[in-house]
Amino acid sequence: MTPTVVPILGNCVQPAIAAAMTEEAPRLPPDRRNHGADLRASALLTGCLLVVATGSVAGDKKRQEPAIVPHIEHNGIRYEAEQSGPRLGYSQDGGIVAARDAATGELQWSRRVYPVHYDTSIESDKQEVFISAMTLNRDGASILIANEAGERFELRLSTCEVRTIAGPGISGPPDR
């Protein structure tokens, strides 16, 4: 191991690497002592670099980031799947559409499309249900919305009314 790598990983990793270099070495044949230590150190270093690169430990059960849903621009308004509900005054993340002026970005209105029900015994971030697709209806009067749970909704743009649609999530162009 090169000494220049260790400072990058930080002081908390240095003792673990040192332990890996010496652990069980006496039980190995003399010609294999350094080889075994090198393999253990390499495995440890690889794991540390993965943690540094990804920001998580293998087996971390946090949910993955929600998909980025492209916004829809129609008649000077940009419709966005908002991922941070509290920023707009909602008690949930996900399930919210924000309408903004396309030129200025100023919020015109926002609407919760569906509620997210939380179980207090489970971490809330693992229970979030985000919008996964939005498509402007052919007539331009509504947006068809799908979420990660496979539910479908229609949001009427003129009234902000939401209607639940039976069936799987949006997989292609709307059928209306």
Foldseek 3Di string as FASTA:
>chain_A
DDPVVVVVLPDVCVVVLVCLLQPPLVVDPPVCSRVSSVVSSVVSVVQSVVCVVPVDHPVPPQDDDADAEAWDDDPQKTKHFFQDVVVVPDPAGAQKIWIARNVPRHTPDMARQDDQDDDVVDDRSNRHKHWRYWAQAPVNQWIWTAIPVQWIWIQGPVPRDIDTDDDGHDDDHDPD
